[in-house]
Amino acid sequence: MPSWSNCRRRCWIRYPEQLSIIITYLGISLLFISWAGIFLEVMLIISLVRYAAVQDELMAKKYKGEWSKYAEKTRRLFPFLY
């Protein structure tokens, strides 16, 4: 099994799937100019940020030192921000 540092060397974010969900639903909310949709988007962002934190804890337990090195090089959800 390849190590995390070799496997994902050039990745800027650790959870691209969650970022794509956020962008998609934000686009839909803005397309229909829906305040309810924007409110749900904020709730979605909060839940995905919490999910990413839990995933980080689980991965840190499983991969120990390798994960911490990988986590230092990448961001969670938003490139160059978080």
C-alpha atoms as a PDB file:
ATOM      1  CA  MET A   1       0.000   0.000   0.000  1.00  0.00           C
ATOM      2  CA  PRO A   2       1.471   3.386  -0.961  1.00  0.00           C
ATOM      3  CA  SER A   3       2.093   5.892   1.785  1.00  0.00           C
ATOM      4  CA  TRP A   4       0.000   9.045   2.051  1.00  0.00           C
ATOM      5  CA  SER A   5       2.983  11.308   1.415  1.00  0.00           C
ATOM      6  CA  ASN A   6       3.704   9.573  -1.911  1.00  0.00           C
ATOM      7  CA  CYS A   7       0.090   8.990  -2.901  1.00  0.00           C
ATOM      8  CA  ARG A   8      -1.180  12.566  -2.627  1.00  0.00           C
ATOM      9  CA  ARG A   9       1.923  14.654  -3.059  1.00  0.00           C
ATOM     10  CA  ARG A  10       0.426  17.404  -5.233  1.00  0.00           C
ATOM     11  CA  CYS A  11      -3.003  17.764  -3.650  1.00  0.00           C
ATOM     12  CA  TRP A  12      -3.874  21.165  -2.161  1.00  0.00           C
ATOM     13  CA  ILE A  13      -6.876  20.052  -0.136  1.00  0.00           C
ATOM     14  CA  ARG A  14      -7.642  16.880   1.797  1.00  0.00           C
ATOM     15  CA  TYR A  15     -11.372  16.672   1.075  1.00  0.00           C
ATOM     16  CA  PRO A  16     -12.113  17.644  -2.546  1.00  0.00           C
ATOM     17  CA  GLU A  17     -15.444  15.801  -2.507  1.00  0.00           C
ATOM     18  CA  GLN A  18     -16.815  17.991   0.274  1.00  0.00           C
ATOM     19  CA  LEU A  19     -15.589  21.131  -1.466  1.00  0.00           C
ATOM     20  CA  SER A  20     -17.364  20.115  -4.668  1.00  0.00           C
ATOM     21  CA  ILE A  21     -20.592  19.569  -2.715  1.00  0.00           C
ATOM     22  CA  ILE A  22     -20.304  23.035  -1.172  1.00  0.00           C
ATOM     23  CA  ILE A  23     -19.663  24.713  -4.525  1.00  0.00           C
ATOM     24  CA  THR A  24     -22.489  22.836  -6.251  1.00  0.00           C
ATOM     25  CA  TYR A  25     -25.135  23.663  -3.653  1.00  0.00           C
ATOM     26  CA  LEU A  26     -23.961  27.261  -3.382  1.00  0.00           C
ATOM     27  CA  GLY A  27     -24.355  27.604  -7.151  1.00  0.00           C
ATOM     28  CA  ILE A  28     -27.852  26.120  -7.056  1.00  0.00           C
ATOM     29  CA  SER A  29     -28.868  28.432  -4.199  1.00  0.00           C
ATOM     30  CA  LEU A  30     -27.568  31.495  -6.030  1.00  0.00           C
ATOM     31  CA  LEU A  31     -29.085  30.390  -9.332  1.00  0.00           C
ATOM     32  CA  PHE A  32     -32.567  30.309  -7.844  1.00  0.00           C
ATOM     33  CA  ILE A  33     -31.918  33.265  -5.505  1.00  0.00           C
ATOM     34  CA  SER A  34     -33.230  31.297  -2.581  1.00  0.00           C
ATOM     35  CA  TRP A  35     -32.642  32.535   0.973  1.00  0.00           C
ATOM     36  CA  ALA A  36     -33.710  29.169   2.292  1.00  0.00           C
ATOM     37  CA  GLY A  37     -31.160  27.543   0.014  1.00  0.00           C
ATOM     38  CA  ILE A  38     -28.426  29.872   1.231  1.00  0.00           C
ATOM     39  CA  PHE A  39     -29.376  29.103   4.835  1.00  0.00           C
ATOM     40  CA  LEU A  40     -29.188  25.377   4.065  1.00  0.00           C
ATOM     41  CA  GLU A  41     -25.823  25.965   2.393  1.00  0.00           C
ATOM     42  CA  VAL A  42     -24.483  27.527   5.583  1.00  0.00           C
ATOM     43  CA  MET A  43     -25.754  24.540   7.552  1.00  0.00           C
ATOM     44  CA  LEU A  44     -24.133  22.214   5.013  1.00  0.00           C
ATOM     45  CA  ILE A  45     -20.798  24.014   5.332  1.00  0.00           C
ATOM     46  CA  ILE A  46     -20.918  23.735   9.114  1.00  0.00           C
ATOM     47  CA  SER A  47     -21.678  20.014   8.977  1.00  0.00           C
ATOM     48  CA  LEU A  48     -18.978  19.308   6.371  1.00  0.00           C
ATOM     49  CA  VAL A  49     -16.370  21.225   8.370  1.00  0.00           C
ATOM     50  CA  ARG A  50     -17.250  19.155  11.428  1.00  0.00           C
ATOM     51  CA  TYR A  51     -17.133  15.973   9.333  1.00  0.00           C
ATOM     52  CA  ALA A  52     -13.676  16.896   8.042  1.00  0.00           C
ATOM     53  CA  ALA A  53     -12.444  17.440  11.606  1.00  0.00           C
ATOM     54  CA  VAL A  54     -13.701  14.002  12.638  1.00  0.00           C
ATOM     55  CA  GLN A  55     -12.114  12.442   9.550  1.00  0.00           C
ATOM     56  CA  ASP A  56      -8.811  14.117  10.391  1.00  0.00           C
ATOM     57  CA  GLU A  57      -8.880  12.637  13.887  1.00  0.00           C
ATOM     58  CA  LEU A  58      -9.607   9.148  12.531  1.00  0.00           C
ATOM     59  CA  MET A  59      -6.898   9.383   9.893  1.00  0.00           C
ATOM     60  CA  ALA A  60      -4.391  10.687  12.448  1.00  0.00           C
ATOM     61  CA  LYS A  61      -5.077   7.644  14.645  1.00  0.00           C
ATOM     62  CA  LYS A  62      -4.773   5.229  11.740  1.00  0.00           C
ATOM     63  CA  TYR A  63      -1.737   6.682   9.921  1.00  0.00           C
ATOM     64  CA  LYS A  64      -0.041   8.500  12.830  1.00  0.00           C
ATOM     65  CA  GLY A  65       3.122  10.352  11.687  1.00  0.00           C
ATOM     66  CA  GLU A  66       2.433  10.055   7.978  1.00  0.00           C
ATOM     67  CA  TRP A  67      -0.918  11.790   8.334  1.00  0.00           C
ATOM     68  CA  SER A  68       0.495  14.678  10.339  1.00  0.00           C
ATOM     69  CA  LYS A  69       3.142  15.308   7.646  1.00  0.00           C
ATOM     70  CA  TYR A  70       0.474  15.175   4.953  1.00  0.00           C
ATOM     71  CA  ALA A  71      -1.867  17.445   6.932  1.00  0.00           C
ATOM     72  CA  GLU A  72       0.873  20.064   7.286  1.00  0.00           C
ATOM     73  CA  LYS A  73       1.222  20.265   3.491  1.00  0.00           C
ATOM     74  CA  THR A  74      -2.484  20.518   2.656  1.00  0.00           C
ATOM     75  CA  ARG A  75      -5.592  22.393   3.736  1.00  0.00           C
ATOM     76  CA  ARG A  76      -8.859  20.770   4.754  1.00  0.00           C
ATOM     77  CA  LEU A  77     -11.501  22.229   2.467  1.00  0.00           C
ATOM     78  CA  PHE A  78     -10.523  25.581   0.980  1.00  0.00           C
ATOM     79  CA  PRO A  79      -7.165  25.977  -0.789  1.00  0.00           C
ATOM     80  CA  PHE A  80      -4.874  28.516   0.912  1.00  0.00           C
ATOM     81  CA  LEU A  81      -7.524  29.243   3.612  1.00  0.00           C
ATOM     82  CA  TYR A  82      -8.741  26.273   5.701  1.00  0.00           C
END
